[in-house]
C-alpha atoms as a PDB file:
ATOM      1  CA  MET A   1      25.985  64.248 -46.795  1.00  0.00           C
ATOM      2  CA  THR A   2      25.841  67.075 -44.256  1.00  0.00           C
ATOM      3  CA  LEU A   3      26.523  70.698 -45.187  1.00  0.00           C
ATOM      4  CA  THR A   4      29.924  71.774 -43.815  1.00  0.00           C
ATOM      5  CA  ILE A   5      31.960  74.991 -43.979  1.00  0.00           C
ATOM      6  CA  THR A   6      35.708  75.202 -43.318  1.00  0.00           C
ATOM      7  CA  SER A   7      38.673  77.511 -43.838  1.00  0.00           C
ATOM      8  CA  THR A   8      42.296  76.770 -44.572  1.00  0.00           C
ATOM      9  CA  ALA A   9      43.151  79.887 -42.515  1.00  0.00           C
ATOM     10  CA  PHE A  10      41.807  78.681 -39.148  1.00  0.00           C
ATOM     11  CA  LYS A  11      40.196  75.662 -37.548  1.00  0.00           C
ATOM     12  CA  ASP A  12      36.674  75.626 -36.136  1.00  0.00           C
ATOM     13  CA  GLY A  13      36.979  77.161 -32.661  1.00  0.00           C
ATOM     14  CA  GLY A  14      40.501  78.415 -33.418  1.00  0.00           C
ATOM     15  CA  GLU A  15      41.970  81.880 -33.625  1.00  0.00           C
ATOM     16  CA  ILE A  16      41.389  83.906 -36.785  1.00  0.00           C
ATOM     17  CA  PRO A  17      44.769  85.069 -38.129  1.00  0.00           C
ATOM     18  CA  LYS A  18      45.499  88.796 -37.870  1.00  0.00           C
ATOM     19  CA  THR A  19      45.557  89.126 -41.697  1.00  0.00           C
ATOM     20  CA  TYR A  20      41.750  88.795 -41.741  1.00  0.00           C
ATOM     21  CA  THR A  21      41.153  91.451 -39.055  1.00  0.00           C
ATOM     22  CA  CYS A  22      41.343  95.232 -38.688  1.00  0.00           C
ATOM     23  CA  ASP A  23      44.824  94.722 -37.202  1.00  0.00           C
ATOM     24  CA  GLY A  24      45.995  93.161 -40.483  1.00  0.00           C
ATOM     25  CA  ARG A  25      44.898  93.429 -44.119  1.00  0.00           C
ATOM     26  CA  ASP A  26      41.182  93.223 -43.199  1.00  0.00           C
ATOM     27  CA  ILE A  27      40.479  90.776 -46.035  1.00  0.00           C
ATOM     28  CA  SER A  28      38.053  87.870 -46.009  1.00  0.00           C
ATOM     29  CA  PRO A  29      39.435  84.433 -45.142  1.00  0.00           C
ATOM     30  CA  PRO A  30      39.271  81.618 -47.678  1.00  0.00           C
ATOM     31  CA  LEU A  31      36.131  79.532 -47.143  1.00  0.00           C
ATOM     32  CA  ARG A  32      35.224  76.089 -48.499  1.00  0.00           C
ATOM     33  CA  TRP A  33      32.023  74.134 -48.187  1.00  0.00           C
ATOM     34  CA  SER A  34      30.655  70.778 -49.173  1.00  0.00           C
ATOM     35  CA  GLY A  35      27.555  68.643 -48.716  1.00  0.00           C
ATOM     36  CA  VAL A  36      25.181  71.141 -50.342  1.00  0.00           C
ATOM     37  CA  PRO A  37      21.756  69.420 -50.443  1.00  0.00           C
ATOM     38  CA  GLU A  38      20.634  68.403 -53.940  1.00  0.00           C
ATOM     39  CA  GLN A  39      17.472  70.536 -53.829  1.00  0.00           C
ATOM     40  CA  THR A  40      19.423  73.735 -52.997  1.00  0.00           C
ATOM     41  CA  ARG A  41      18.640  76.681 -55.282  1.00  0.00           C
ATOM     42  CA  SER A  42      20.920  79.247 -53.562  1.00  0.00           C
ATOM     43  CA  LEU A  43      23.297  79.722 -50.625  1.00  0.00           C
ATOM     44  CA  VAL A  44      23.528  82.499 -48.042  1.00  0.00           C
ATOM     45  CA  LEU A  45      26.613  83.457 -46.022  1.00  0.00           C
ATOM     46  CA  ILE A  46      26.302  85.483 -42.820  1.00  0.00           C
ATOM     47  CA  ALA A  47      29.382  86.350 -40.742  1.00  0.00           C
ATOM     48  CA  ASP A  48      28.661  87.886 -37.357  1.00  0.00           C
ATOM     49  CA  ASP A  49      29.917  88.490 -33.814  1.00  0.00           C
ATOM     50  CA  PRO A  50      27.344  87.948 -31.030  1.00  0.00           C
ATOM     51  CA  ASP A  51      29.772  89.207 -28.361  1.00  0.00           C
ATOM     52  CA  ALA A  52      29.700  92.938 -29.190  1.00  0.00           C
ATOM     53  CA  PRO A  53      30.820  95.139 -27.710  1.00  0.00           C
ATOM     54  CA  ASP A  54      32.145  93.185 -24.689  1.00  0.00           C
ATOM     55  CA  PRO A  55      31.984  89.373 -24.371  1.00  0.00           C
ATOM     56  CA  ALA A  56      31.431  89.789 -20.612  1.00  0.00           C
ATOM     57  CA  ALA A  57      28.309  91.871 -21.305  1.00  0.00           C
ATOM     58  CA  PRO A  58      27.201  91.472 -24.942  1.00  0.00           C
ATOM     59  CA  LYS A  59      24.601  93.977 -26.096  1.00  0.00           C
ATOM     60  CA  MET A  60      24.318  93.261 -29.829  1.00  0.00           C
ATOM     61  CA  THR A  61      25.368  91.068 -32.712  1.00  0.00           C
ATOM     62  CA  TRP A  62      27.797  92.858 -35.022  1.00  0.00           C
ATOM     63  CA  ILE A  63      27.392  91.884 -38.683  1.00  0.00           C
ATOM     64  CA  HIS A  64      30.657  91.469 -40.601  1.00  0.00           C
ATOM     65  CA  TRP A  65      29.521  90.118 -43.986  1.00  0.00           C
ATOM     66  CA  LEU A  66      26.312  89.196 -45.807  1.00  0.00           C
ATOM     67  CA  LEU A  67      26.112  87.453 -49.179  1.00  0.00           C
ATOM     68  CA  TYR A  68      23.041  85.818 -50.685  1.00  0.00           C
ATOM     69  CA  ASN A  69      21.938  84.076 -53.872  1.00  0.00           C
ATOM     70  CA  ILE A  70      25.325  82.357 -54.087  1.00  0.00           C
ATOM     71  CA  PRO A  71      24.897  79.703 -56.816  1.00  0.00           C
ATOM     72  CA  PRO A  72      24.479  76.240 -55.252  1.00  0.00           C
ATOM     73  CA  ASP A  73      27.312  74.711 -57.310  1.00  0.00           C
ATOM     74  CA  THR A  74      29.802  77.150 -55.723  1.00  0.00           C
ATOM     75  CA  ASN A  75      32.147  75.301 -53.368  1.00  0.00           C
ATOM     76  CA  GLY A  76      33.651  78.247 -51.517  1.00  0.00           C
ATOM     77  CA  LEU A  77      35.079  81.747 -51.628  1.00  0.00           C
ATOM     78  CA  PRO A  78      38.739  82.675 -52.124  1.00  0.00           C
ATOM     79  CA  GLU A  79      40.792  84.742 -49.733  1.00  0.00           C
ATOM     80  CA  ASP A  80      40.037  88.456 -50.183  1.00  0.00           C
ATOM     81  CA  ALA A  81      36.775  87.726 -52.035  1.00  0.00           C
ATOM     82  CA  ARG A  82      35.756  90.936 -53.772  1.00  0.00           C
ATOM     83  CA  GLU A  83      32.265  91.663 -55.066  1.00  0.00           C
ATOM     84  CA  SER A  84      33.530  91.952 -58.643  1.00  0.00           C
ATOM     85  CA  GLU A  85      34.933  88.405 -58.411  1.00  0.00           C
ATOM     86  CA  LEU A  86      31.837  86.729 -56.970  1.00  0.00           C
ATOM     87  CA  ARG A  87      29.838  84.285 -59.073  1.00  0.00           C
ATOM     88  CA  ALA A  88      27.105  85.833 -61.213  1.00  0.00           C
ATOM     89  CA  GLY A  89      23.873  86.212 -59.253  1.00  0.00           C
ATOM     90  CA  THR A  90      25.565  86.602 -55.847  1.00  0.00           C
ATOM     91  CA  LEU A  91      24.294  89.719 -54.060  1.00  0.00           C
ATOM     92  CA  PRO A  92      25.673  91.611 -51.049  1.00  0.00           C
ATOM     93  CA  GLY A  93      23.913  92.683 -47.905  1.00  0.00           C
ATOM     94  CA  THR A  94      24.744  95.599 -45.608  1.00  0.00           C
ATOM     95  CA  ASN A  95      27.060  94.979 -42.644  1.00  0.00           C
ATOM     96  CA  SER A  96      27.119  96.829 -39.313  1.00  0.00           C
ATOM     97  CA  TRP A  97      29.474  99.455 -40.758  1.00  0.00           C
ATOM     98  CA  ASN A  98      26.579 100.271 -43.102  1.00  0.00           C
ATOM     99  CA  ARG A  99      28.504  99.110 -46.172  1.00  0.00           C
ATOM    100  CA  LYS A 100      28.615  96.034 -48.349  1.00  0.00           C
ATOM    101  CA  GLY A 101      31.518  93.615 -48.386  1.00  0.00           C
ATOM    102  CA  TYR A 102      33.627  92.017 -45.694  1.00  0.00           C
ATOM    103  CA  GLY A 103      34.668  93.818 -42.529  1.00  0.00           C
ATOM    104  CA  GLY A 104      37.027  91.801 -40.370  1.00  0.00           C
ATOM    105  CA  PRO A 105      37.117  91.238 -36.623  1.00  0.00           C
ATOM    106  CA  CYS A 106      37.965  94.394 -34.676  1.00  0.00           C
ATOM    107  CA  PRO A 107      36.857  93.747 -31.084  1.00  0.00           C
ATOM    108  CA  PRO A 108      36.987  96.740 -28.731  1.00  0.00           C
ATOM    109  CA  ILE A 109      37.609  94.531 -25.679  1.00  0.00           C
ATOM    110  CA  GLY A 110      38.157  90.851 -24.904  1.00  0.00           C
ATOM    111  CA  ARG A 111      38.160  87.724 -27.070  1.00  0.00           C
ATOM    112  CA  HIS A 112      35.156  87.607 -29.393  1.00  0.00           C
ATOM    113  CA  ARG A 113      33.613  84.723 -31.315  1.00  0.00           C
ATOM    114  CA  TYR A 114      33.015  85.124 -35.052  1.00  0.00           C
ATOM    115  CA  PHE A 115      30.492  82.864 -36.764  1.00  0.00           C
ATOM    116  CA  PHE A 116      30.553  82.152 -40.501  1.00  0.00           C
ATOM    117  CA  LYS A 117      27.104  80.671 -41.169  1.00  0.00           C
ATOM    118  CA  LEU A 118      26.243  79.053 -44.473  1.00  0.00           C
ATOM    119  CA  TYR A 119      22.598  78.369 -45.328  1.00  0.00           C
ATOM    120  CA  ALA A 120      21.253  76.200 -48.145  1.00  0.00           C
ATOM    121  CA  LEU A 121      17.926  77.536 -49.434  1.00  0.00           C
ATOM    122  CA  ASP A 122      15.253  75.911 -51.587  1.00  0.00           C
ATOM    123  CA  THR A 123      14.778  79.166 -53.524  1.00  0.00           C
ATOM    124  CA  VAL A 124      16.607  82.068 -55.123  1.00  0.00           C
ATOM    125  CA  LEU A 125      15.713  85.214 -53.194  1.00  0.00           C
ATOM    126  CA  PRO A 126      14.515  88.374 -54.962  1.00  0.00           C
ATOM    127  CA  ASP A 127      16.911  91.331 -55.090  1.00  0.00           C
ATOM    128  CA  LEU A 128      16.554  92.735 -51.565  1.00  0.00           C
ATOM    129  CA  HIS A 129      18.716  95.814 -52.355  1.00  0.00           C
ATOM    130  CA  GLN A 130      21.540  95.311 -49.850  1.00  0.00           C
ATOM    131  CA  PRO A 131      19.458  94.046 -46.926  1.00  0.00           C
ATOM    132  CA  ASP A 132      20.603  94.044 -43.337  1.00  0.00           C
ATOM    133  CA  LYS A 133      20.720  90.734 -41.456  1.00  0.00           C
ATOM    134  CA  ASP A 134      17.141  90.967 -40.142  1.00  0.00           C
ATOM    135  CA  GLN A 135      15.730  91.652 -43.623  1.00  0.00           C
ATOM    136  CA  LEU A 136      17.746  88.780 -45.079  1.00  0.00           C
ATOM    137  CA  LEU A 137      16.671  86.341 -42.353  1.00  0.00           C
ATOM    138  CA  ALA A 138      13.029  87.367 -42.866  1.00  0.00           C
ATOM    139  CA  ALA A 139      13.303  86.656 -46.610  1.00  0.00           C
ATOM    140  CA  MET A 140      14.905  83.256 -45.852  1.00  0.00           C
ATOM    141  CA  GLN A 141      12.051  82.139 -43.539  1.00  0.00           C
ATOM    142  CA  GLY A 142      10.548  78.850 -44.641  1.00  0.00           C
ATOM    143  CA  HIS A 143      13.288  78.257 -47.240  1.00  0.00           C
ATOM    144  CA  MET A 144      16.211  76.944 -45.151  1.00  0.00           C
ATOM    145  CA  LEU A 145      17.199  73.377 -45.968  1.00  0.00           C
ATOM    146  CA  GLU A 146      20.380  73.151 -43.940  1.00  0.00           C
ATOM    147  CA  GLU A 147      22.895  75.306 -42.037  1.00  0.00           C
ATOM    148  CA  ALA A 148      26.630  74.922 -41.396  1.00  0.00           C
ATOM    149  CA  ILE A 149      28.708  77.002 -38.989  1.00  0.00           C
ATOM    150  CA  LEU A 150      32.412  77.780 -38.722  1.00  0.00           C
ATOM    151  CA  MET A 151      33.459  79.694 -35.601  1.00  0.00           C
ATOM    152  CA  GLY A 152      36.716  81.508 -35.026  1.00  0.00           C
ATOM    153  CA  THR A 153      37.903  83.798 -32.240  1.00  0.00           C
ATOM    154  CA  TYR A 154      39.952  86.977 -32.132  1.00  0.00           C
ATOM    155  CA  GLN A 155      41.317  89.413 -29.549  1.00  0.00           C
ATOM    156  CA  HIS A 156      43.515  92.486 -30.150  1.00  0.00           C
END
């Protein structure tokens, strides 16, 4: 079985509803996944926007959410997933607002793409003390078994 990630809030390639953006309640969308490889020891979720600040001339990837050490028997995250409600062992990273937790789409100009990437790892990572995306990716090197991607778009 192949690792997949979906949402009941939007289809892959579809528009992310306003509720999950800075124009709405700015809460995380519900996410579901399946096909986690048997040898998986932990999961990582990275949500980012490679079109910042302007899709016509992107200059950076804006990080919206980082979670790691998600237990491998977890099959998703509920809408408005709060740190206090996450499965034991799950740790947050630092997003581009320099805080932990979810920060929804809030594009300054144009229609942006938002990628929810789920990684199956063959290890449980050490406590990286709220790493940024680069630190998390470095720690994941050599441990990725499989990756699944869900992409949504949003424009003010």
